[in-house]
Amino acid sequence: MISTPKIPCARIIVSISILIGICACERDSYTSWNCHSQGEPKTPMVLRKAQMEFKGSRFDYCGSLGTQSYFDQKCPANIELSSFVFTPSTGLLKSNEQTFNCIAL
C-alpha cells in the first residue's frame, strides 16, 4: 500500500493567503478631482494609470515636461500640442478651449 503525504491545513491556509495577497497588488489606483470653469458646473476628472477620464471621454497620458502632464486622445509627436495640460501641484487643467481649476477629492 502506497501512502500519500498529507498537507497540513496550516500550509494550505498560508498558500491561499499568499495567493490572495499577490492578487491584491493588482488593484486599480486612481485619483479623483472636481474641476470647475467659469460658467460651468463642477465636472469630475479621474486620473487612472496612464489615462485621464474627463467629460465622458478618455485621454491617454502623452508625457510630462517639468510639473505639467500632457493628455490627448491620440498623442502628437510634440507633446506640447496635446489637447490637455494638467499641473497636479496647482490643480490647473488647460484644454484648447478652456481653463479649469481642479481640487483633489
PDB file of N, CA and C in Angstrom:
ATOM      1  N   MET A   1       0.828  -1.162   0.000  1.00  0.00           N
ATOM      2  CA  MET A   1       0.000   0.000   0.000  1.00  0.00           C
ATOM      3  C   MET A   1       0.884   1.241   0.000  1.00  0.00           C
ATOM      4  N   ILE A   2       0.618   2.165  -0.926  1.00  0.00           N
ATOM      5  CA  ILE A   2       1.394   3.396  -1.008  1.00  0.00           C
ATOM      6  C   ILE A   2       0.632   4.487  -0.269  1.00  0.00           C
ATOM      7  N   SER A   3       1.344   5.162   0.608  1.00  0.00           N
ATOM      8  CA  SER A   3       0.678   6.241   1.344  1.00  0.00           C
ATOM      9  C   SER A   3       1.107   7.579   0.750  1.00  0.00           C
ATOM     10  N   THR A   4       0.136   8.474   0.604  1.00  0.00           N
ATOM     11  CA  THR A   4       0.428   9.807   0.094  1.00  0.00           C
ATOM     12  C   THR A   4       0.550  10.752   1.272  1.00  0.00           C
ATOM     13  N   PRO A   5       1.530  11.636   1.214  1.00  0.00           N
ATOM     14  CA  PRO A   5       1.694  12.564   2.329  1.00  0.00           C
ATOM     15  C   PRO A   5       0.528  13.547   2.371  1.00  0.00           C
ATOM     16  N   LYS A   6       0.100  13.861   3.563  1.00  0.00           N
ATOM     17  CA  LYS A   6      -0.999  14.798   3.736  1.00  0.00           C
ATOM     18  C   LYS A   6      -0.432  16.185   4.031  1.00  0.00           C
ATOM     19  N   ILE A   7      -1.002  17.174   3.372  1.00  0.00           N
ATOM     20  CA  ILE A   7      -0.560  18.549   3.591  1.00  0.00           C
ATOM     21  C   ILE A   7      -1.365  19.111   4.749  1.00  0.00           C
ATOM     22  N   PRO A   8      -0.674  19.623   5.749  1.00  0.00           N
ATOM     23  CA  PRO A   8      -1.400  20.170   6.892  1.00  0.00           C
ATOM     24  C   PRO A   8      -2.259  21.365   6.482  1.00  0.00           C
ATOM     25  N   CYS A   9      -3.345  21.527   7.199  1.00  0.00           N
ATOM     26  CA  CYS A   9      -4.274  22.638   6.934  1.00  0.00           C
ATOM     27  C   CYS A   9      -3.577  23.985   6.988  1.00  0.00           C
ATOM     28  N   ALA A  10      -2.667  24.156   7.917  1.00  0.00           N
ATOM     29  CA  ALA A  10      -1.971  25.436   8.071  1.00  0.00           C
ATOM     30  C   ALA A  10      -1.210  25.804   6.804  1.00  0.00           C
ATOM     31  N   ARG A  11      -0.592  24.825   6.165  1.00  0.00           N
ATOM     32  CA  ARG A  11       0.165  25.071   4.938  1.00  0.00           C
ATOM     33  C   ARG A  11      -0.772  25.497   3.801  1.00  0.00           C
ATOM     34  N   ILE A  12      -1.937  24.905   3.726  1.00  0.00           N
ATOM     35  CA  ILE A  12      -2.923  25.283   2.702  1.00  0.00           C
ATOM     36  C   ILE A  12      -3.408  26.712   2.940  1.00  0.00           C
ATOM     37  N   ILE A  13      -3.692  27.031   4.192  1.00  0.00           N
ATOM     38  CA  ILE A  13      -4.175  28.379   4.523  1.00  0.00           C
ATOM     39  C   ILE A  13      -3.107  29.421   4.196  1.00  0.00           C
ATOM     40  N   VAL A  14      -1.849  29.150   4.518  1.00  0.00           N
ATOM     41  CA  VAL A  14      -0.761  30.080   4.217  1.00  0.00           C
ATOM     42  C   VAL A  14      -0.629  30.257   2.704  1.00  0.00           C
ATOM     43  N   SER A  15      -0.724  29.180   1.954  1.00  0.00           N
ATOM     44  CA  SER A  15      -0.617  29.256   0.494  1.00  0.00           C
ATOM     45  C   SER A  15      -1.732  30.109  -0.105  1.00  0.00           C
ATOM     46  N   ILE A  16      -2.941  29.910   0.364  1.00  0.00           N
ATOM     47  CA  ILE A  16      -4.083  30.690  -0.128  1.00  0.00           C
ATOM     48  C   ILE A  16      -3.912  32.163   0.244  1.00  0.00           C
ATOM     49  N   SER A  17      -3.433  32.442   1.450  1.00  0.00           N
ATOM     50  CA  SER A  17      -3.219  33.826   1.891  1.00  0.00           C
ATOM     51  C   SER A  17      -2.188  34.530   1.020  1.00  0.00           C
ATOM     52  N   ILE A  18      -1.118  33.837   0.682  1.00  0.00           N
ATOM     53  CA  ILE A  18      -0.091  34.419  -0.188  1.00  0.00           C
ATOM     54  C   ILE A  18      -0.664  34.701  -1.566  1.00  0.00           C
ATOM     55  N   LEU A  19      -1.435  33.786  -2.101  1.00  0.00           N
ATOM     56  CA  LEU A  19      -2.045  33.965  -3.410  1.00  0.00           C
ATOM     57  C   LEU A  19      -2.990  35.167  -3.421  1.00  0.00           C
ATOM     58  N   ILE A  20      -3.803  35.297  -2.398  1.00  0.00           N
ATOM     59  CA  ILE A  20      -4.722  36.434  -2.293  1.00  0.00           C
ATOM     60  C   ILE A  20      -3.933  37.740  -2.173  1.00  0.00           C
ATOM     61  N   GLY A  21      -2.851  37.735  -1.413  1.00  0.00           N
ATOM     62  CA  GLY A  21      -2.010  38.927  -1.261  1.00  0.00           C
ATOM     63  C   GLY A  21      -1.394  39.364  -2.573  1.00  0.00           C
ATOM     64  N   ILE A  22      -0.949  38.404  -3.374  1.00  0.00           N
ATOM     65  CA  ILE A  22      -0.367  38.726  -4.675  1.00  0.00           C
ATOM     66  C   ILE A  22      -1.434  39.314  -5.592  1.00  0.00           C
ATOM     67  N   CYS A  23      -2.633  38.763  -5.582  1.00  0.00           N
ATOM     68  CA  CYS A  23      -3.725  39.277  -6.413  1.00  0.00           C
ATOM     69  C   CYS A  23      -4.123  40.691  -6.000  1.00  0.00           C
ATOM     70  N   ALA A  24      -4.034  41.006  -4.728  1.00  0.00           N
ATOM     71  CA  ALA A  24      -4.413  42.334  -4.238  1.00  0.00           C
ATOM     72  C   ALA A  24      -3.471  43.412  -4.759  1.00  0.00           C
ATOM     73  N   CYS A  25      -2.262  43.040  -5.144  1.00  0.00           N
ATOM     74  CA  CYS A  25      -1.313  44.021  -5.677  1.00  0.00           C
ATOM     75  C   CYS A  25      -1.769  44.582  -7.014  1.00  0.00           C
ATOM     76  N   GLU A  26      -2.661  43.934  -7.681  1.00  0.00           N
ATOM     77  CA  GLU A  26      -3.152  44.365  -8.984  1.00  0.00           C
ATOM     78  C   GLU A  26      -4.325  45.327  -8.885  1.00  0.00           C
ATOM     79  N   ARG A  27      -4.617  45.827  -7.685  1.00  0.00           N
ATOM     80  CA  ARG A  27      -5.752  46.727  -7.515  1.00  0.00           C
ATOM     81  C   ARG A  27      -5.534  47.992  -8.314  1.00  0.00           C
ATOM     82  N   ASP A  28      -6.600  48.548  -8.837  1.00  0.00           N
ATOM     83  CA  ASP A  28      -6.566  49.743  -9.658  1.00  0.00           C
ATOM     84  C   ASP A  28      -6.416  50.973  -8.766  1.00  0.00           C
ATOM     85  N   SER A  29      -5.432  51.809  -9.039  1.00  0.00           N
ATOM     86  CA  SER A  29      -5.278  53.031  -8.262  1.00  0.00           C
ATOM     87  C   SER A  29      -5.662  54.222  -9.144  1.00  0.00           C
ATOM     88  N   TYR A  30      -6.305  55.191  -8.537  1.00  0.00           N
ATOM     89  CA  TYR A  30      -6.752  56.357  -9.292  1.00  0.00           C
ATOM     90  C   TYR A  30      -6.867  57.556  -8.365  1.00  0.00           C
ATOM     91  N   THR A  31      -6.937  58.744  -8.967  1.00  0.00           N
ATOM     92  CA  THR A  31      -7.143  59.979  -8.228  1.00  0.00           C
ATOM     93  C   THR A  31      -8.340  60.685  -8.839  1.00  0.00           C
ATOM     94  N   SER A  32      -9.281  61.092  -7.994  1.00  0.00           N
ATOM     95  CA  SER A  32     -10.470  61.816  -8.457  1.00  0.00           C
ATOM     96  C   SER A  32     -10.297  63.300  -8.170  1.00  0.00           C
ATOM     97  N   TRP A  33     -10.779  64.103  -9.088  1.00  0.00           N
ATOM     98  CA  TRP A  33     -10.715  65.554  -8.972  1.00  0.00           C
ATOM     99  C   TRP A  33     -12.079  66.142  -9.321  1.00  0.00           C
ATOM    100  N   ASN A  34     -12.428  67.272  -8.718  1.00  0.00           N
ATOM    101  CA  ASN A  34     -13.581  68.073  -9.126  1.00  0.00           C
ATOM    102  C   ASN A  34     -13.029  69.310  -9.813  1.00  0.00           C
ATOM    103  N   CYS A  35     -13.414  69.511 -11.058  1.00  0.00           N
ATOM    104  CA  CYS A  35     -12.903  70.636 -11.837  1.00  0.00           C
ATOM    105  C   CYS A  35     -14.050  71.591 -12.153  1.00  0.00           C
ATOM    106  N   HIS A  36     -13.752  72.880 -12.109  1.00  0.00           N
ATOM    107  CA  HIS A  36     -14.768  73.860 -12.481  1.00  0.00           C
ATOM    108  C   HIS A  36     -14.125  74.964 -13.310  1.00  0.00           C
ATOM    109  N   SER A  37     -14.941  75.516 -14.171  1.00  0.00           N
ATOM    110  CA  SER A  37     -14.529  76.603 -15.038  1.00  0.00           C
ATOM    111  C   SER A  37     -15.596  77.679 -14.951  1.00  0.00           C
ATOM    112  N   GLN A  38     -15.245  78.869 -15.314  1.00  0.00           N
ATOM    113  CA  GLN A  38     -16.203  79.967 -15.258  1.00  0.00           C
ATOM    114  C   GLN A  38     -17.426  79.650 -16.111  1.00  0.00           C
ATOM    115  N   GLY A  39     -18.591  79.702 -15.480  1.00  0.00           N
ATOM    116  CA  GLY A  39     -19.840  79.461 -16.196  1.00  0.00           C
ATOM    117  C   GLY A  39     -20.201  78.003 -16.382  1.00  0.00           C
ATOM    118  N   GLU A  40     -19.448  77.087 -15.802  1.00  0.00           N
ATOM    119  CA  GLU A  40     -19.752  75.657 -15.927  1.00  0.00           C
ATOM    120  C   GLU A  40     -19.860  75.034 -14.544  1.00  0.00           C
ATOM    121  N   PRO A  41     -20.739  74.040 -14.391  1.00  0.00           N
ATOM    122  CA  PRO A  41     -20.821  73.339 -13.102  1.00  0.00           C
ATOM    123  C   PRO A  41     -19.576  72.475 -12.896  1.00  0.00           C
ATOM    124  N   LYS A  42     -19.429  71.963 -11.683  1.00  0.00           N
ATOM    125  CA  LYS A  42     -18.287  71.089 -11.388  1.00  0.00           C
ATOM    126  C   LYS A  42     -18.323  69.867 -12.301  1.00  0.00           C
ATOM    127  N   THR A  43     -17.169  69.522 -12.797  1.00  0.00           N
ATOM    128  CA  THR A  43     -17.021  68.371 -13.683  1.00  0.00           C
ATOM    129  C   THR A  43     -16.005  67.416 -13.070  1.00  0.00           C
ATOM    130  N   PRO A  44     -16.362  66.139 -12.895  1.00  0.00           N
ATOM    131  CA  PRO A  44     -15.386  65.197 -12.341  1.00  0.00           C
ATOM    132  C   PRO A  44     -14.306  64.841 -13.358  1.00  0.00           C
ATOM    133  N   MET A  45     -13.102  64.633 -12.846  1.00  0.00           N
ATOM    134  CA  MET A  45     -11.979  64.191 -13.658  1.00  0.00           C
ATOM    135  C   MET A  45     -11.277  63.095 -12.871  1.00  0.00           C
ATOM    136  N   VAL A  46     -10.909  62.018 -13.540  1.00  0.00           N
ATOM    137  CA  VAL A  46     -10.246  60.889 -12.881  1.00  0.00           C
ATOM    138  C   VAL A  46      -8.945  60.593 -13.611  1.00  0.00           C
ATOM    139  N   LEU A  47      -7.872  60.488 -12.834  1.00  0.00           N
ATOM    140  CA  LEU A  47      -6.596  60.032 -13.373  1.00  0.00           C
ATOM    141  C   LEU A  47      -6.420  58.590 -12.934  1.00  0.00           C
ATOM    142  N   ARG A  48      -6.402  57.690 -13.900  1.00  0.00           N
ATOM    143  CA  ARG A  48      -6.309  56.251 -13.623  1.00  0.00           C
ATOM    144  C   ARG A  48      -5.207  55.673 -14.504  1.00  0.00           C
ATOM    145  N   LYS A  49      -4.159  55.183 -13.832  1.00  0.00           N
ATOM    146  CA  LYS A  49      -2.991  54.644 -14.536  1.00  0.00           C
ATOM    147  C   LYS A  49      -2.490  55.681 -15.537  1.00  0.00           C
ATOM    148  N   ALA A  50      -2.452  55.381 -16.809  1.00  0.00           N
ATOM    149  CA  ALA A  50      -1.935  56.312 -17.814  1.00  0.00           C
ATOM    150  C   ALA A  50      -3.065  56.931 -18.627  1.00  0.00           C
ATOM    151  N   GLN A  51      -4.204  57.192 -17.984  1.00  0.00           N
ATOM    152  CA  GLN A  51      -5.334  57.802 -18.681  1.00  0.00           C
ATOM    153  C   GLN A  51      -6.018  58.837 -17.812  1.00  0.00           C
ATOM    154  N   MET A  52      -6.627  59.796 -18.477  1.00  0.00           N
ATOM    155  CA  MET A  52      -7.463  60.785 -17.812  1.00  0.00           C
ATOM    156  C   MET A  52      -8.878  60.613 -18.348  1.00  0.00           C
ATOM    157  N   GLU A  53      -9.855  60.538 -17.455  1.00  0.00           N
ATOM    158  CA  GLU A  53     -11.262  60.471 -17.838  1.00  0.00           C
ATOM    159  C   GLU A  53     -11.880  61.827 -17.508  1.00  0.00           C
ATOM    160  N   PHE A  54     -12.427  62.477 -18.532  1.00  0.00           N
ATOM    161  CA  PHE A  54     -12.962  63.825 -18.351  1.00  0.00           C
ATOM    162  C   PHE A  54     -14.083  64.060 -19.356  1.00  0.00           C
ATOM    163  N   LYS A  55     -15.215  64.528 -18.863  1.00  0.00           N
ATOM    164  CA  LYS A  55     -16.391  64.837 -19.688  1.00  0.00           C
ATOM    165  C   LYS A  55     -16.799  63.663 -20.582  1.00  0.00           C
ATOM    166  N   GLY A  56     -16.776  62.461 -20.031  1.00  0.00           N
ATOM    167  CA  GLY A  56     -17.234  61.281 -20.763  1.00  0.00           C
ATOM    168  C   GLY A  56     -16.252  60.727 -21.778  1.00  0.00           C
ATOM    169  N   SER A  57     -15.045  61.254 -21.836  1.00  0.00           N
ATOM    170  CA  SER A  57     -14.036  60.767 -22.781  1.00  0.00           C
ATOM    171  C   SER A  57     -12.780  60.347 -22.032  1.00  0.00           C
ATOM    172  N   ARG A  58     -11.982  59.521 -22.686  1.00  0.00           N
ATOM    173  CA  ARG A  58     -10.711  59.076 -22.124  1.00  0.00           C
ATOM    174  C   ARG A  58      -9.575  59.645 -22.961  1.00  0.00           C
ATOM    175  N   PHE A  59      -8.555  60.107 -22.257  1.00  0.00           N
ATOM    176  CA  PHE A  59      -7.396  60.687 -22.907  1.00  0.00           C
ATOM    177  C   PHE A  59      -6.145  59.979 -22.400  1.00  0.00           C
ATOM    178  N   ASP A  60      -5.253  59.635 -23.311  1.00  0.00           N
ATOM    179  CA  ASP A  60      -4.021  58.938 -22.959  1.00  0.00           C
ATOM    180  C   ASP A  60      -2.979  59.917 -22.425  1.00  0.00           C
ATOM    181  N   TYR A  61      -2.154  59.419 -21.520  1.00  0.00           N
ATOM    182  CA  TYR A  61      -1.036  60.190 -20.998  1.00  0.00           C
ATOM    183  C   TYR A  61       0.033  60.246 -22.077  1.00  0.00           C
ATOM    184  N   CYS A  62       0.440  61.460 -22.453  1.00  0.00           N
ATOM    185  CA  CYS A  62       1.428  61.627 -23.529  1.00  0.00           C
ATOM    186  C   CYS A  62       2.836  61.878 -23.003  1.00  0.00           C
ATOM    187  N   GLY A  63       2.939  62.290 -21.742  1.00  0.00           N
ATOM    188  CA  GLY A  63       4.245  62.555 -21.153  1.00  0.00           C
ATOM    189  C   GLY A  63       4.188  63.780 -20.269  1.00  0.00           C
ATOM    190  N   SER A  64       5.325  64.103 -19.678  1.00  0.00           N
ATOM    191  CA  SER A  64       5.426  65.262 -18.792  1.00  0.00           C
ATOM    192  C   SER A  64       6.648  66.083 -19.140  1.00  0.00           C
ATOM    193  N   LEU A  65       6.518  67.383 -18.924  1.00  0.00           N
ATOM    194  CA  LEU A  65       7.643  68.306 -19.016  1.00  0.00           C
ATOM    195  C   LEU A  65       7.585  69.149 -17.762  1.00  0.00           C
ATOM    196  N   GLY A  66       8.559  68.978 -16.888  1.00  0.00           N
ATOM    197  CA  GLY A  66       8.538  69.692 -15.615  1.00  0.00           C
ATOM    198  C   GLY A  66       7.365  69.230 -14.780  1.00  0.00           C
ATOM    199  N   THR A  67       6.547  70.184 -14.340  1.00  0.00           N
ATOM    200  CA  THR A  67       5.401  69.854 -13.485  1.00  0.00           C
ATOM    201  C   THR A  67       4.123  69.622 -14.278  1.00  0.00           C
ATOM    202  N   GLN A  68       4.183  69.740 -15.588  1.00  0.00           N
ATOM    203  CA  GLN A  68       2.986  69.618 -16.420  1.00  0.00           C
ATOM    204  C   GLN A  68       2.905  68.242 -17.080  1.00  0.00           C
ATOM    205  N   SER A  69       1.691  67.668 -17.043  1.00  0.00           N
ATOM    206  CA  SER A  69       1.422  66.386 -17.697  1.00  0.00           C
ATOM    207  C   SER A  69       0.504  66.635 -18.883  1.00  0.00           C
ATOM    208  N   TYR A  70       0.742  65.925 -19.975  1.00  0.00           N
ATOM    209  CA  TYR A  70       0.012  66.146 -21.220  1.00  0.00           C
ATOM    210  C   TYR A  70      -0.852  64.932 -21.553  1.00  0.00           C
ATOM    211  N   PHE A  71      -2.092  65.191 -21.985  1.00  0.00           N
ATOM    212  CA  PHE A  71      -3.064  64.146 -22.312  1.00  0.00           C
ATOM    213  C   PHE A  71      -3.733  64.463 -23.638  1.00  0.00           C
ATOM    214  N   ASP A  72      -4.018  63.416 -24.409  1.00  0.00           N
ATOM    215  CA  ASP A  72      -4.734  63.588 -25.678  1.00  0.00           C
ATOM    216  C   ASP A  72      -5.330  62.240 -26.074  1.00  0.00           C
ATOM    217  N   GLN A  73      -6.319  62.268 -26.968  1.00  0.00           N
ATOM    218  CA  GLN A  73      -6.892  61.003 -27.442  1.00  0.00           C
ATOM    219  C   GLN A  73      -5.903  60.281 -28.347  1.00  0.00           C
ATOM    220  N   LYS A  74      -5.100  61.042 -29.074  1.00  0.00           N
ATOM    221  CA  LYS A  74      -4.009  60.473 -29.866  1.00  0.00           C
ATOM    222  C   LYS A  74      -2.822  61.408 -29.672  1.00  0.00           C
ATOM    223  N   CYS A  75      -1.814  60.925 -28.984  1.00  0.00           N
ATOM    224  CA  CYS A  75      -0.687  61.779 -28.610  1.00  0.00           C
ATOM    225  C   CYS A  75       0.080  62.271 -29.840  1.00  0.00           C
ATOM    226  N   PRO A  76       0.299  63.586 -29.923  1.00  0.00           N
ATOM    227  CA  PRO A  76       1.080  64.132 -31.032  1.00  0.00           C
ATOM    228  C   PRO A  76       2.576  63.907 -30.815  1.00  0.00           C
ATOM    229  N   ALA A  77       3.361  64.036 -31.869  1.00  0.00           N
ATOM    230  CA  ALA A  77       4.809  63.866 -31.763  1.00  0.00           C
ATOM    231  C   ALA A  77       5.395  64.904 -30.797  1.00  0.00           C
ATOM    232  N   ASN A  78       4.888  66.121 -30.850  1.00  0.00           N
ATOM    233  CA  ASN A  78       5.292  67.178 -29.925  1.00  0.00           C
ATOM    234  C   ASN A  78       4.236  67.233 -28.824  1.00  0.00           C
ATOM    235  N   ILE A  79       4.543  66.695 -27.637  1.00  0.00           N
ATOM    236  CA  ILE A  79       3.523  66.573 -26.589  1.00  0.00           C
ATOM    237  C   ILE A  79       2.957  67.915 -26.142  1.00  0.00           C
ATOM    238  N   GLU A  80       3.671  69.001 -26.387  1.00  0.00           N
ATOM    239  CA  GLU A  80       3.166  70.322 -26.016  1.00  0.00           C
ATOM    240  C   GLU A  80       1.934  70.716 -26.830  1.00  0.00           C
ATOM    241  N   LEU A  81       1.634  69.962 -27.890  1.00  0.00           N
ATOM    242  CA  LEU A  81       0.453  70.217 -28.720  1.00  0.00           C
ATOM    243  C   LEU A  81      -0.743  69.359 -28.292  1.00  0.00           C
ATOM    244  N   SER A  82      -0.629  68.674 -27.161  1.00  0.00           N
ATOM    245  CA  SER A  82      -1.711  67.815 -26.650  1.00  0.00           C
ATOM    246  C   SER A  82      -2.941  68.652 -26.310  1.00  0.00           C
ATOM    247  N   SER A  83      -4.106  68.002 -26.316  1.00  0.00           N
ATOM    248  CA  SER A  83      -5.376  68.673 -26.040  1.00  0.00           C
ATOM    249  C   SER A  83      -5.483  69.188 -24.615  1.00  0.00           C
ATOM    250  N   PHE A  84      -4.869  68.476 -23.647  1.00  0.00           N
ATOM    251  CA  PHE A  84      -4.971  68.854 -22.243  1.00  0.00           C
ATOM    252  C   PHE A  84      -3.584  68.934 -21.605  1.00  0.00           C
ATOM    253  N   VAL A  85      -3.405  69.968 -20.792  1.00  0.00           N
ATOM    254  CA  VAL A  85      -2.196  70.141 -19.991  1.00  0.00           C
ATOM    255  C   VAL A  85      -2.665  70.230 -18.542  1.00  0.00           C
ATOM    256  N   PHE A  86      -2.153  69.339 -17.694  1.00  0.00           N
ATOM    257  CA  PHE A  86      -2.572  69.306 -16.298  1.00  0.00           C
ATOM    258  C   PHE A  86      -1.361  69.494 -15.393  1.00  0.00           C
ATOM    259  N   THR A  87      -1.522  70.385 -14.411  1.00  0.00           N
ATOM    260  CA  THR A  87      -0.487  70.630 -13.415  1.00  0.00           C
ATOM    261  C   THR A  87      -1.027  70.170 -12.068  1.00  0.00           C
ATOM    262  N   PRO A  88      -0.675  68.956 -11.636  1.00  0.00           N
ATOM    263  CA  PRO A  88      -1.237  68.417 -10.391  1.00  0.00           C
ATOM    264  C   PRO A  88      -0.964  69.279  -9.152  1.00  0.00           C
ATOM    265  N   SER A  89       0.189  69.931  -9.080  1.00  0.00           N
ATOM    266  CA  SER A  89       0.521  70.708  -7.889  1.00  0.00           C
ATOM    267  C   SER A  89      -0.403  71.908  -7.687  1.00  0.00           C
ATOM    268  N   THR A  90      -0.919  72.477  -8.766  1.00  0.00           N
ATOM    269  CA  THR A  90      -1.832  73.627  -8.663  1.00  0.00           C
ATOM    270  C   THR A  90      -3.277  73.254  -8.957  1.00  0.00           C
ATOM    271  N   GLY A  91      -3.489  72.085  -9.599  1.00  0.00           N
ATOM    272  CA  GLY A  91      -4.837  71.671  -9.985  1.00  0.00           C
ATOM    273  C   GLY A  91      -5.327  72.351 -11.245  1.00  0.00           C
ATOM    274  N   LEU A  92      -4.450  72.996 -11.983  1.00  0.00           N
ATOM    275  CA  LEU A  92      -4.838  73.712 -13.200  1.00  0.00           C
ATOM    276  C   LEU A  92      -4.885  72.743 -14.379  1.00  0.00           C
ATOM    277  N   LEU A  93      -6.025  72.696 -15.051  1.00  0.00           N
ATOM    278  CA  LEU A  93      -6.226  71.857 -16.231  1.00  0.00           C
ATOM    279  C   LEU A  93      -6.586  72.775 -17.390  1.00  0.00           C
ATOM    280  N   LYS A  94      -5.752  72.775 -18.414  1.00  0.00           N
ATOM    281  CA  LYS A  94      -5.992  73.623 -19.579  1.00  0.00           C
ATOM    282  C   LYS A  94      -6.313  72.747 -20.777  1.00  0.00           C
ATOM    283  N   SER A  95      -7.388  73.120 -21.471  1.00  0.00           N
ATOM    284  CA  SER A  95      -7.703  72.459 -22.735  1.00  0.00           C
ATOM    285  C   SER A  95      -7.522  73.502 -23.832  1.00  0.00           C
ATOM    286  N   ASN A  96      -7.769  73.097 -25.052  1.00  0.00           N
ATOM    287  CA  ASN A  96      -7.649  74.035 -26.163  1.00  0.00           C
ATOM    288  C   ASN A  96      -8.625  75.200 -26.023  1.00  0.00           C
ATOM    289  N   GLU A  97      -9.783  74.951 -25.375  1.00  0.00           N
ATOM    290  CA  GLU A  97     -10.821  75.970 -25.299  1.00  0.00           C
ATOM    291  C   GLU A  97     -10.960  76.615 -23.921  1.00  0.00           C
ATOM    292  N   GLN A  98     -10.653  75.893 -22.837  1.00  0.00           N
ATOM    293  CA  GLN A  98     -10.971  76.353 -21.507  1.00  0.00           C
ATOM    294  C   GLN A  98      -9.858  76.073 -20.502  1.00  0.00           C
ATOM    295  N   THR A  99      -9.960  76.762 -19.372  1.00  0.00           N
ATOM    296  CA  THR A  99      -9.081  76.513 -18.244  1.00  0.00           C
ATOM    297  C   THR A  99      -9.945  76.117 -17.062  1.00  0.00           C
ATOM    298  N   PHE A 100      -9.577  75.024 -16.400  1.00  0.00           N
ATOM    299  CA  PHE A 100     -10.324  74.512 -15.253  1.00  0.00           C
ATOM    300  C   PHE A 100      -9.449  74.553 -14.002  1.00  0.00           C
ATOM    301  N   ASN A 101     -10.065  74.833 -12.882  1.00  0.00           N
ATOM    302  CA  ASN A 101      -9.412  74.717 -11.583  1.00  0.00           C
ATOM    303  C   ASN A 101      -9.921  73.433 -10.950  1.00  0.00           C
ATOM    304  N   CYS A 102      -9.005  72.531 -10.610  1.00  0.00           N
ATOM    305  CA  CYS A 102      -9.390  71.214 -10.094  1.00  0.00           C
ATOM    306  C   CYS A 102      -8.912  71.052  -8.652  1.00  0.00           C
ATOM    307  N   ILE A 103      -9.744  70.377  -7.875  1.00  0.00           N
ATOM    308  CA  ILE A 103      -9.439  70.084  -6.473  1.00  0.00           C
ATOM    309  C   ILE A 103      -9.506  68.576  -6.291  1.00  0.00           C
ATOM    310  N   ALA A 104      -8.438  68.005  -5.731  1.00  0.00           N
ATOM    311  CA  ALA A 104      -8.394  66.553  -5.497  1.00  0.00           C
ATOM    312  C   ALA A 104      -9.391  66.185  -4.420  1.00  0.00           C
ATOM    313  N   LEU A 105     -10.069  65.060  -4.616  1.00  0.00           N
ATOM    314  CA  LEU A 105     -11.042  64.566  -3.627  1.00  0.00           C
ATOM    315  C   LEU A 105     -10.388  63.594  -2.685  1.00  0.00           C
TER     316      LEU A 105
END
